[in-house]
C-alpha cells in the first residue's frame, strides 16, 4: 500500500451531531434527516459516471419517504431499526459518490439475484482502516421514464471480516488505501 501523503487530499462532510437527540426514532428527527436526504439525492443528486443518480419512480415509499432513504438510516430485516451509526453518516454517501475516482475509494460490480430479477450493482468502498470502512451501493435501473444508477444503500462497515471481504472484491489495480480520518 502506498503512503497516504502521496494522495490528493480527501475529507468527508461532518457527521450529524446526535448528542442532543433524545429519541432517534422521533418523527421530528427523522424529518430532519429526510431533509438532508432530499437535498443530496432528490433536489441535487450526485453524478456517477457522468449521469445524475435517479430515484426510481416505482420505488416503494414508507411514511412518504423513499425506500433508499430508509436503507441509509436503518438496519434489520425490514430496515425498521434506526441506526445511530448510519444516521450520523447520512451526509457521506453523496460526497463519496462524487469523489469515487479518488485513490482511497474503490469500485467493483456484482450481479445480484433477488425476487424481482437479476440486477447489476456497483459497490463504492471507502476504507479507513482494517477495522472500519464505508460502503455505498448503486444499482443499474431502467424504466420508461429514465435509466441510470439508483442509490440502494450505504452503511459503515466495522467488522474485520467484512472489510477483508469487500477489499478482496476490489480490482487489484484499484485496491483502496486506508484513509486515516480520526
N, C-alpha and C. Protein backbone atom coordinates (compact mmCIF):
# COMPACT_ATOMS: atom_id res chain seq x y z
N UNK A 1 0.83 -1.19 0.00
CA UNK A 1 0.00 0.00 0.00
C UNK A 1 0.87 1.24 0.00
N UNK A 2 0.48 2.22 -0.78
CA UNK A 2 1.23 3.46 -0.83
C UNK A 2 0.98 4.29 0.40
N UNK A 3 1.87 5.20 0.64
CA UNK A 3 1.74 6.11 1.78
C UNK A 3 0.65 7.13 1.47
N UNK A 4 -0.19 7.45 2.44
CA UNK A 4 -1.30 8.39 2.24
C UNK A 4 -0.83 9.78 1.87
N UNK A 5 0.39 10.15 2.24
CA UNK A 5 0.85 11.51 1.95
C UNK A 5 1.04 11.74 0.45
N UNK A 6 1.10 10.66 -0.36
CA UNK A 6 1.25 10.79 -1.80
C UNK A 6 -0.07 11.04 -2.50
N UNK A 7 -1.18 10.95 -1.80
CA UNK A 7 -2.50 11.07 -2.40
C UNK A 7 -3.03 12.50 -2.29
N UNK A 8 -3.91 12.86 -3.24
CA UNK A 8 -4.56 14.16 -3.10
C UNK A 8 -5.40 14.19 -1.84
N UNK A 9 -5.63 15.36 -1.26
CA UNK A 9 -6.41 15.44 -0.02
C UNK A 9 -7.82 14.90 -0.21
N UNK A 10 -8.33 14.30 0.84
CA UNK A 10 -9.70 13.81 0.83
C UNK A 10 -10.28 14.00 2.21
N UNK A 11 -11.45 14.57 2.27
CA UNK A 11 -12.13 14.71 3.55
C UNK A 11 -13.61 14.45 3.34
N UNK A 12 -14.27 14.10 4.41
CA UNK A 12 -15.70 13.82 4.37
C UNK A 12 -16.46 14.96 5.03
N UNK A 13 -17.72 15.16 4.64
CA UNK A 13 -18.54 16.15 5.33
C UNK A 13 -18.67 15.79 6.80
N UNK A 14 -18.91 16.76 7.65
CA UNK A 14 -19.09 16.44 9.08
C UNK A 14 -20.27 15.50 9.30
N UNK A 15 -20.12 14.66 10.30
CA UNK A 15 -21.22 13.79 10.68
C UNK A 15 -22.30 14.61 11.38
N UNK A 16 -23.51 14.10 11.35
CA UNK A 16 -24.62 14.74 12.05
C UNK A 16 -24.42 14.52 13.54
N UNK A 17 -24.53 15.59 14.28
CA UNK A 17 -24.35 15.53 15.74
C UNK A 17 -25.60 14.92 16.38
N UNK A 18 -25.42 13.81 17.04
CA UNK A 18 -26.54 13.13 17.69
C UNK A 18 -26.57 13.36 19.19
N UNK A 19 -25.67 14.20 19.70
CA UNK A 19 -25.55 14.36 21.15
C UNK A 19 -26.80 14.93 21.81
N UNK A 20 -27.61 15.68 21.07
CA UNK A 20 -28.82 16.26 21.66
C UNK A 20 -30.09 15.48 21.30
N UNK A 21 -29.92 14.42 20.53
CA UNK A 21 -31.07 13.62 20.11
C UNK A 21 -31.46 12.68 21.24
N UNK A 22 -32.68 12.84 21.74
CA UNK A 22 -33.17 12.01 22.84
C UNK A 22 -33.69 10.68 22.30
N UNK A 23 -34.47 10.74 21.22
CA UNK A 23 -35.07 9.54 20.64
C UNK A 23 -34.76 9.53 19.15
N UNK A 24 -33.91 8.63 18.73
CA UNK A 24 -33.50 8.57 17.32
C UNK A 24 -34.68 8.23 16.40
N UNK A 25 -35.75 7.66 16.96
CA UNK A 25 -36.94 7.32 16.18
C UNK A 25 -38.01 8.41 16.19
N UNK A 26 -37.69 9.54 16.82
CA UNK A 26 -38.63 10.65 16.88
C UNK A 26 -38.95 11.15 15.46
N UNK A 27 -40.22 11.23 15.10
CA UNK A 27 -40.59 11.68 13.75
C UNK A 27 -39.99 13.04 13.36
N UNK A 28 -39.81 13.93 14.34
CA UNK A 28 -39.20 15.24 14.02
C UNK A 28 -37.74 15.07 13.62
N UNK A 29 -37.02 14.17 14.30
CA UNK A 29 -35.63 13.92 13.94
C UNK A 29 -35.55 13.23 12.58
N UNK A 30 -36.44 12.26 12.34
CA UNK A 30 -36.48 11.57 11.04
C UNK A 30 -36.75 12.59 9.94
N UNK A 31 -37.64 13.56 10.20
CA UNK A 31 -37.94 14.59 9.21
C UNK A 31 -36.70 15.43 8.90
N UNK A 32 -35.89 15.74 9.90
CA UNK A 32 -34.64 16.48 9.66
C UNK A 32 -33.67 15.66 8.81
N UNK A 33 -33.57 14.37 9.11
CA UNK A 33 -32.72 13.50 8.30
C UNK A 33 -33.23 13.44 6.86
N UNK A 34 -34.54 13.39 6.71
CA UNK A 34 -35.11 13.31 5.37
C UNK A 34 -34.82 14.58 4.57
N UNK A 35 -34.74 15.70 5.23
CA UNK A 35 -34.37 16.95 4.54
C UNK A 35 -32.96 16.85 3.98
N UNK A 36 -32.05 16.24 4.74
CA UNK A 36 -30.68 16.03 4.25
C UNK A 36 -30.71 15.12 3.03
N UNK A 37 -31.47 14.02 3.12
CA UNK A 37 -31.59 13.08 2.01
C UNK A 37 -32.14 13.78 0.76
N UNK A 38 -33.22 14.55 0.92
CA UNK A 38 -33.81 15.23 -0.24
C UNK A 38 -32.82 16.21 -0.87
N UNK A 39 -32.11 16.95 -0.04
CA UNK A 39 -31.13 17.91 -0.57
C UNK A 39 -30.05 17.19 -1.38
N UNK A 40 -29.60 16.04 -0.89
CA UNK A 40 -28.50 15.33 -1.53
C UNK A 40 -28.91 14.43 -2.69
N UNK A 41 -30.12 13.87 -2.65
CA UNK A 41 -30.48 12.86 -3.65
C UNK A 41 -31.73 13.15 -4.46
N UNK A 42 -32.56 14.08 -4.04
CA UNK A 42 -33.76 14.41 -4.81
C UNK A 42 -33.56 15.73 -5.56
N UNK A 43 -33.22 16.80 -4.82
CA UNK A 43 -33.10 18.13 -5.43
C UNK A 43 -31.79 18.33 -6.19
N UNK A 44 -30.71 17.76 -5.72
CA UNK A 44 -29.41 17.93 -6.37
C UNK A 44 -28.64 16.61 -6.29
N UNK A 45 -29.09 15.61 -7.06
CA UNK A 45 -28.45 14.29 -6.96
C UNK A 45 -27.00 14.34 -7.45
N UNK A 46 -26.16 13.49 -6.87
CA UNK A 46 -24.77 13.45 -7.32
C UNK A 46 -24.68 12.80 -8.70
N UNK A 47 -23.60 13.07 -9.39
CA UNK A 47 -23.34 12.40 -10.65
C UNK A 47 -22.49 11.17 -10.41
N UNK A 48 -22.79 10.12 -11.14
CA UNK A 48 -21.97 8.92 -11.14
C UNK A 48 -21.75 8.53 -12.59
N UNK A 49 -20.50 8.44 -12.98
CA UNK A 49 -20.11 8.15 -14.36
C UNK A 49 -20.79 9.11 -15.33
N UNK A 50 -20.81 10.38 -14.95
CA UNK A 50 -21.32 11.43 -15.82
C UNK A 50 -22.82 11.61 -15.85
N UNK A 51 -23.54 10.81 -15.12
CA UNK A 51 -25.00 10.89 -15.11
C UNK A 51 -25.49 11.11 -13.68
N UNK A 52 -26.56 11.93 -13.51
CA UNK A 52 -27.10 12.09 -12.16
C UNK A 52 -27.77 10.80 -11.69
N UNK A 53 -27.65 10.52 -10.41
CA UNK A 53 -28.35 9.38 -9.84
C UNK A 53 -29.85 9.59 -9.99
N UNK A 54 -30.56 8.51 -10.15
CA UNK A 54 -32.02 8.60 -10.28
C UNK A 54 -32.66 8.01 -9.03
N UNK A 55 -33.82 8.51 -8.71
CA UNK A 55 -34.66 7.88 -7.70
C UNK A 55 -35.78 7.23 -8.50
N UNK A 56 -35.82 5.91 -8.51
CA UNK A 56 -36.78 5.22 -9.36
C UNK A 56 -38.23 5.61 -9.06
N UNK A 57 -39.00 5.78 -10.11
CA UNK A 57 -40.41 6.15 -9.95
C UNK A 57 -41.16 5.08 -9.20
N UNK A 58 -40.82 3.82 -9.46
CA UNK A 58 -41.58 2.74 -8.85
C UNK A 58 -41.08 2.36 -7.46
N UNK A 59 -40.10 3.10 -6.96
CA UNK A 59 -39.57 2.75 -5.64
C UNK A 59 -40.68 2.90 -4.59
N UNK A 60 -40.88 1.86 -3.80
CA UNK A 60 -41.93 1.96 -2.78
C UNK A 60 -41.59 3.02 -1.75
N UNK A 61 -42.63 3.57 -1.15
CA UNK A 61 -42.44 4.58 -0.11
C UNK A 61 -43.03 4.07 1.18
N UNK A 62 -42.39 4.46 2.26
CA UNK A 62 -42.88 4.15 3.60
C UNK A 62 -42.93 5.48 4.34
N UNK A 63 -44.05 5.80 4.91
CA UNK A 63 -44.24 7.10 5.57
C UNK A 63 -43.88 8.24 4.63
N UNK A 64 -44.24 8.11 3.36
CA UNK A 64 -43.99 9.11 2.31
C UNK A 64 -42.51 9.38 2.06
N UNK A 65 -41.66 8.42 2.38
CA UNK A 65 -40.22 8.56 2.16
C UNK A 65 -39.72 7.37 1.36
N UNK A 66 -38.81 7.65 0.43
CA UNK A 66 -38.27 6.62 -0.43
C UNK A 66 -37.60 5.50 0.36
N UNK A 67 -37.67 4.31 -0.19
CA UNK A 67 -37.05 3.15 0.46
C UNK A 67 -35.54 3.33 0.59
N UNK A 68 -34.92 3.98 -0.38
CA UNK A 68 -33.47 4.19 -0.28
C UNK A 68 -33.12 5.08 0.92
N UNK A 69 -33.99 6.01 1.28
CA UNK A 69 -33.77 6.82 2.48
C UNK A 69 -33.71 5.91 3.71
N UNK A 70 -34.68 5.01 3.82
CA UNK A 70 -34.73 4.12 4.97
C UNK A 70 -33.50 3.20 5.01
N UNK A 71 -33.01 2.81 3.85
CA UNK A 71 -31.82 1.96 3.80
C UNK A 71 -30.57 2.71 4.27
N UNK A 72 -30.58 4.02 4.18
CA UNK A 72 -29.43 4.82 4.62
C UNK A 72 -29.40 5.02 6.13
N UNK A 73 -30.57 4.97 6.80
CA UNK A 73 -30.59 5.30 8.23
C UNK A 73 -31.00 4.15 9.14
N UNK A 74 -31.42 3.02 8.55
CA UNK A 74 -31.91 1.92 9.37
C UNK A 74 -31.20 0.61 9.01
N UNK A 75 -31.42 -0.40 9.84
CA UNK A 75 -30.94 -1.74 9.54
C UNK A 75 -31.97 -2.73 10.06
N UNK A 76 -31.67 -3.98 9.94
CA UNK A 76 -32.61 -5.00 10.39
C UNK A 76 -33.30 -5.64 9.20
N UNK A 77 -34.04 -6.71 9.46
CA UNK A 77 -34.67 -7.49 8.38
C UNK A 77 -35.55 -6.65 7.45
N UNK A 78 -36.29 -5.75 7.98
CA UNK A 78 -37.18 -4.92 7.15
C UNK A 78 -36.74 -3.46 7.14
N UNK A 79 -35.51 -3.20 7.52
CA UNK A 79 -34.99 -1.83 7.64
C UNK A 79 -35.93 -0.96 8.46
N UNK A 80 -36.18 -1.40 9.69
CA UNK A 80 -37.09 -0.67 10.57
C UNK A 80 -36.41 -0.17 11.84
N UNK A 81 -35.15 -0.53 12.05
CA UNK A 81 -34.45 -0.13 13.27
C UNK A 81 -33.49 1.01 12.95
N UNK A 82 -33.79 2.21 13.46
CA UNK A 82 -32.90 3.35 13.22
C UNK A 82 -31.53 3.06 13.82
N UNK A 83 -30.51 3.32 13.05
CA UNK A 83 -29.14 3.03 13.46
C UNK A 83 -28.38 4.35 13.63
N UNK A 84 -27.93 4.66 14.84
CA UNK A 84 -27.20 5.92 15.05
C UNK A 84 -25.98 6.05 14.14
N UNK A 85 -25.26 4.94 13.92
CA UNK A 85 -24.06 4.99 13.08
C UNK A 85 -24.40 5.34 11.64
N UNK A 86 -25.53 4.88 11.15
CA UNK A 86 -25.96 5.22 9.79
C UNK A 86 -26.49 6.66 9.75
N UNK A 87 -27.28 7.02 10.75
CA UNK A 87 -27.89 8.36 10.77
C UNK A 87 -26.83 9.46 10.75
N UNK A 88 -25.83 9.32 11.60
CA UNK A 88 -24.85 10.41 11.70
C UNK A 88 -23.98 10.52 10.45
N UNK A 89 -23.90 9.45 9.65
CA UNK A 89 -23.10 9.48 8.42
C UNK A 89 -23.93 9.79 7.18
N UNK A 90 -25.17 10.20 7.35
CA UNK A 90 -26.05 10.48 6.22
C UNK A 90 -25.44 11.48 5.21
N UNK A 91 -24.65 12.47 5.61
CA UNK A 91 -24.05 13.36 4.62
C UNK A 91 -22.93 12.73 3.77
N UNK A 92 -22.49 11.54 4.10
CA UNK A 92 -21.34 10.94 3.41
C UNK A 92 -21.62 10.34 2.03
N UNK A 93 -22.73 9.61 1.80
CA UNK A 93 -22.86 8.91 0.51
C UNK A 93 -22.72 9.81 -0.71
N UNK A 94 -23.35 10.96 -0.71
CA UNK A 94 -23.26 11.84 -1.88
C UNK A 94 -21.81 12.23 -2.14
N UNK A 95 -21.10 12.60 -1.10
CA UNK A 95 -19.71 13.02 -1.24
C UNK A 95 -18.83 11.87 -1.75
N UNK A 96 -19.06 10.68 -1.26
CA UNK A 96 -18.29 9.51 -1.70
C UNK A 96 -18.57 9.20 -3.17
N UNK A 97 -19.83 9.27 -3.56
CA UNK A 97 -20.20 9.03 -4.97
C UNK A 97 -19.53 10.06 -5.87
N UNK A 98 -19.57 11.32 -5.47
CA UNK A 98 -18.99 12.40 -6.28
C UNK A 98 -17.47 12.31 -6.37
N UNK A 99 -16.84 11.63 -5.42
CA UNK A 99 -15.37 11.54 -5.40
C UNK A 99 -14.88 10.11 -5.62
N UNK A 100 -15.66 9.30 -6.33
CA UNK A 100 -15.33 7.88 -6.44
C UNK A 100 -14.07 7.61 -7.25
N UNK A 101 -13.47 8.60 -7.87
CA UNK A 101 -12.21 8.40 -8.57
C UNK A 101 -10.99 8.59 -7.69
N UNK A 102 -11.20 8.94 -6.44
CA UNK A 102 -10.09 9.19 -5.51
C UNK A 102 -9.38 7.89 -5.15
N UNK A 103 -8.05 7.94 -4.92
CA UNK A 103 -7.30 6.71 -4.60
C UNK A 103 -7.76 5.99 -3.33
N UNK A 104 -8.46 6.65 -2.43
CA UNK A 104 -8.93 5.99 -1.22
C UNK A 104 -10.22 5.21 -1.46
N UNK A 105 -10.80 5.38 -2.63
CA UNK A 105 -12.11 4.79 -2.94
C UNK A 105 -11.96 3.79 -4.07
N UNK A 106 -12.59 2.64 -3.91
CA UNK A 106 -12.56 1.62 -4.96
C UNK A 106 -13.99 1.29 -5.37
N UNK A 107 -14.12 0.83 -6.61
CA UNK A 107 -15.43 0.47 -7.16
C UNK A 107 -15.35 -0.95 -7.70
N UNK A 108 -16.34 -1.74 -7.38
CA UNK A 108 -16.45 -3.06 -8.01
C UNK A 108 -17.92 -3.33 -8.29
N UNK A 109 -18.16 -4.21 -9.25
CA UNK A 109 -19.52 -4.54 -9.65
C UNK A 109 -19.82 -6.00 -9.38
N UNK A 110 -21.09 -6.25 -9.09
CA UNK A 110 -21.58 -7.61 -8.86
C UNK A 110 -23.00 -7.70 -9.40
N UNK A 111 -23.37 -8.88 -9.82
CA UNK A 111 -24.77 -9.14 -10.16
C UNK A 111 -25.43 -9.73 -8.93
N UNK A 112 -26.66 -9.36 -8.72
CA UNK A 112 -27.38 -9.86 -7.55
C UNK A 112 -28.77 -10.31 -8.00
N UNK A 113 -29.13 -11.50 -7.60
CA UNK A 113 -30.45 -12.02 -7.94
C UNK A 113 -31.33 -11.93 -6.71
N UNK A 114 -32.47 -11.26 -6.89
CA UNK A 114 -33.47 -11.12 -5.84
C UNK A 114 -34.82 -11.51 -6.44
N UNK A 115 -35.88 -11.40 -5.66
CA UNK A 115 -37.21 -11.80 -6.12
C UNK A 115 -37.60 -11.13 -7.44
N UNK A 116 -37.24 -9.89 -7.60
CA UNK A 116 -37.69 -9.16 -8.80
C UNK A 116 -36.76 -9.33 -9.99
N UNK A 117 -35.69 -10.13 -9.87
CA UNK A 117 -34.81 -10.41 -11.00
C UNK A 117 -33.34 -10.29 -10.65
N UNK A 118 -32.50 -10.26 -11.68
CA UNK A 118 -31.06 -10.12 -11.50
C UNK A 118 -30.67 -8.69 -11.86
N UNK A 119 -29.87 -8.08 -10.99
CA UNK A 119 -29.50 -6.68 -11.17
C UNK A 119 -28.01 -6.50 -11.02
N UNK A 120 -27.47 -5.56 -11.78
CA UNK A 120 -26.07 -5.20 -11.65
C UNK A 120 -25.95 -4.12 -10.59
N UNK A 121 -25.12 -4.41 -9.61
CA UNK A 121 -24.90 -3.45 -8.52
C UNK A 121 -23.46 -2.99 -8.53
N UNK A 122 -23.30 -1.71 -8.30
CA UNK A 122 -21.98 -1.11 -8.19
C UNK A 122 -21.74 -0.79 -6.74
N UNK A 123 -20.61 -1.24 -6.22
CA UNK A 123 -20.23 -1.01 -4.83
C UNK A 123 -19.09 -0.01 -4.80
N UNK A 124 -19.26 1.04 -4.03
CA UNK A 124 -18.23 2.06 -3.87
C UNK A 124 -17.74 1.93 -2.43
N UNK A 125 -16.47 1.57 -2.29
CA UNK A 125 -15.92 1.20 -0.99
C UNK A 125 -14.82 2.16 -0.58
N UNK A 126 -15.00 2.74 0.60
CA UNK A 126 -14.01 3.64 1.21
C UNK A 126 -13.51 2.94 2.46
N UNK A 127 -12.20 2.76 2.55
CA UNK A 127 -11.61 2.04 3.68
C UNK A 127 -10.83 3.01 4.55
N UNK A 128 -11.18 3.04 5.84
CA UNK A 128 -10.46 3.89 6.79
C UNK A 128 -9.30 3.14 7.43
N UNK A 129 -9.54 1.88 7.72
CA UNK A 129 -8.51 1.04 8.35
C UNK A 129 -8.93 -0.41 8.13
N UNK A 130 -8.18 -1.34 8.69
CA UNK A 130 -8.56 -2.75 8.58
C UNK A 130 -9.78 -3.07 9.43
N UNK A 131 -10.24 -2.09 10.20
CA UNK A 131 -11.39 -2.31 11.09
C UNK A 131 -12.57 -1.41 10.80
N UNK A 132 -12.44 -0.53 9.82
CA UNK A 132 -13.55 0.38 9.54
C UNK A 132 -13.54 0.81 8.08
N UNK A 133 -14.74 0.81 7.49
CA UNK A 133 -14.92 1.25 6.12
C UNK A 133 -16.32 1.78 5.93
N UNK A 134 -16.63 2.16 4.70
CA UNK A 134 -17.96 2.67 4.38
C UNK A 134 -18.28 2.19 2.97
N UNK A 135 -19.49 1.68 2.78
CA UNK A 135 -19.89 1.10 1.50
C UNK A 135 -21.14 1.80 0.98
N UNK A 136 -21.11 2.19 -0.29
CA UNK A 136 -22.27 2.77 -0.98
C UNK A 136 -22.63 1.79 -2.10
N UNK A 137 -23.92 1.47 -2.21
CA UNK A 137 -24.36 0.52 -3.22
C UNK A 137 -25.33 1.21 -4.18
N UNK A 138 -25.01 1.12 -5.46
CA UNK A 138 -25.85 1.66 -6.53
C UNK A 138 -26.33 0.49 -7.39
N UNK A 139 -27.44 0.70 -8.08
CA UNK A 139 -27.97 -0.36 -8.95
C UNK A 139 -28.36 0.23 -10.28
N UNK A 140 -27.99 -0.46 -11.36
CA UNK A 140 -28.40 -0.03 -12.69
C UNK A 140 -29.90 -0.29 -12.83
N UNK A 141 -30.64 0.74 -13.26
CA UNK A 141 -32.08 0.60 -13.42
C UNK A 141 -32.52 1.30 -14.68
N UNK A 142 -33.60 0.78 -15.22
CA UNK A 142 -34.16 1.37 -16.44
C UNK A 142 -35.66 1.14 -16.43
N UNK A 143 -36.39 2.18 -16.81
CA UNK A 143 -37.83 2.04 -16.98
C UNK A 143 -38.26 3.01 -18.07
N UNK A 144 -39.54 3.19 -18.26
CA UNK A 144 -39.99 4.06 -19.36
C UNK A 144 -39.68 5.54 -19.11
N UNK A 145 -39.37 5.91 -17.87
CA UNK A 145 -39.12 7.31 -17.55
C UNK A 145 -37.64 7.68 -17.55
N UNK A 146 -36.79 6.75 -17.15
CA UNK A 146 -35.38 7.09 -17.02
C UNK A 146 -34.53 5.82 -16.94
N UNK A 147 -33.24 6.03 -17.07
CA UNK A 147 -32.31 4.93 -16.87
C UNK A 147 -31.05 5.50 -16.24
N UNK A 148 -30.34 4.66 -15.55
CA UNK A 148 -29.12 5.10 -14.89
C UNK A 148 -28.90 4.33 -13.62
N UNK A 149 -28.21 4.95 -12.72
CA UNK A 149 -27.91 4.32 -11.44
C UNK A 149 -28.81 4.89 -10.35
N UNK A 150 -29.29 4.01 -9.51
CA UNK A 150 -30.12 4.41 -8.37
C UNK A 150 -29.40 4.04 -7.08
N UNK A 151 -29.56 4.86 -6.08
CA UNK A 151 -29.00 4.58 -4.77
C UNK A 151 -29.79 3.46 -4.11
N UNK A 152 -29.10 2.42 -3.68
CA UNK A 152 -29.75 1.31 -2.99
C UNK A 152 -29.55 1.44 -1.49
N UNK A 153 -28.29 1.62 -1.06
CA UNK A 153 -27.99 1.68 0.35
C UNK A 153 -26.59 2.24 0.56
N UNK A 154 -26.28 2.54 1.79
CA UNK A 154 -24.93 2.95 2.19
C UNK A 154 -24.84 2.73 3.69
N UNK A 155 -23.67 2.26 4.12
CA UNK A 155 -23.55 1.98 5.55
C UNK A 155 -22.10 1.83 5.96
N UNK A 156 -21.83 2.10 7.25
CA UNK A 156 -20.48 1.87 7.77
C UNK A 156 -20.24 0.38 7.96
N UNK A 157 -18.99 -0.01 7.82
CA UNK A 157 -18.59 -1.40 7.99
C UNK A 157 -17.56 -1.45 9.11
N UNK A 158 -17.87 -2.20 10.17
CA UNK A 158 -17.00 -2.23 11.35
C UNK A 158 -16.37 -3.60 11.63
N UNK A 159 -16.76 -4.61 10.93
CA UNK A 159 -16.23 -5.95 11.22
C UNK A 159 -15.06 -6.26 10.29
N UNK A 160 -13.97 -6.76 10.89
CA UNK A 160 -12.75 -7.04 10.11
C UNK A 160 -13.03 -7.99 8.95
N UNK A 161 -13.83 -9.02 9.18
CA UNK A 161 -14.07 -9.99 8.11
C UNK A 161 -14.84 -9.35 6.95
N UNK A 162 -15.73 -8.39 7.26
CA UNK A 162 -16.44 -7.70 6.19
C UNK A 162 -15.50 -6.77 5.42
N UNK A 163 -14.63 -6.08 6.15
CA UNK A 163 -13.64 -5.20 5.49
C UNK A 163 -12.80 -6.04 4.53
N UNK A 164 -12.31 -7.19 5.00
CA UNK A 164 -11.49 -8.06 4.15
C UNK A 164 -12.29 -8.54 2.93
N UNK A 165 -13.56 -8.88 3.15
CA UNK A 165 -14.40 -9.37 2.06
C UNK A 165 -14.54 -8.30 0.97
N UNK A 166 -14.87 -7.07 1.37
CA UNK A 166 -15.04 -6.00 0.38
C UNK A 166 -13.71 -5.65 -0.27
N UNK A 167 -12.64 -5.65 0.51
CA UNK A 167 -11.32 -5.32 -0.02
C UNK A 167 -10.92 -6.34 -1.10
N UNK A 168 -11.17 -7.63 -0.85
CA UNK A 168 -10.82 -8.67 -1.81
C UNK A 168 -11.60 -8.53 -3.11
N UNK A 169 -12.81 -8.00 -3.03
CA UNK A 169 -13.63 -7.84 -4.23
C UNK A 169 -13.17 -6.68 -5.12
N UNK A 170 -12.40 -5.77 -4.56
CA UNK A 170 -11.92 -4.62 -5.33
C UNK A 170 -10.89 -5.07 -6.36
N UNK A 171 -10.91 -4.49 -7.56
CA UNK A 171 -9.92 -4.88 -8.57
C UNK A 171 -8.50 -4.66 -8.05
N UNK A 172 -7.58 -5.55 -8.43
CA UNK A 172 -6.20 -5.48 -7.96
C UNK A 172 -5.56 -4.11 -8.20
N UNK A 173 -5.83 -3.54 -9.38
CA UNK A 173 -5.20 -2.25 -9.71
C UNK A 173 -5.86 -1.07 -8.99
N UNK A 174 -6.96 -1.33 -8.30
CA UNK A 174 -7.70 -0.22 -7.67
C UNK A 174 -8.06 -0.55 -6.22
N UNK A 175 -7.19 -1.25 -5.50
CA UNK A 175 -7.45 -1.52 -4.09
C UNK A 175 -7.44 -0.19 -3.34
N UNK A 176 -8.42 0.03 -2.47
CA UNK A 176 -8.43 1.29 -1.72
C UNK A 176 -7.30 1.32 -0.71
N UNK A 177 -6.75 2.51 -0.53
CA UNK A 177 -5.75 2.69 0.52
C UNK A 177 -6.47 3.23 1.74
N UNK A 178 -6.09 2.79 2.92
CA UNK A 178 -6.80 3.26 4.11
C UNK A 178 -6.69 4.78 4.28
N UNK A 179 -7.82 5.39 4.56
CA UNK A 179 -7.90 6.82 4.83
C UNK A 179 -7.94 6.98 6.34
N UNK A 180 -6.93 7.55 6.90
CA UNK A 180 -6.89 7.76 8.35
C UNK A 180 -7.52 9.12 8.63
N UNK A 181 -8.75 9.10 9.08
CA UNK A 181 -9.51 10.35 9.22
C UNK A 181 -9.69 10.79 10.64
N UNK A 182 -9.35 10.00 11.63
CA UNK A 182 -9.70 10.33 13.00
C UNK A 182 -8.73 11.28 13.65
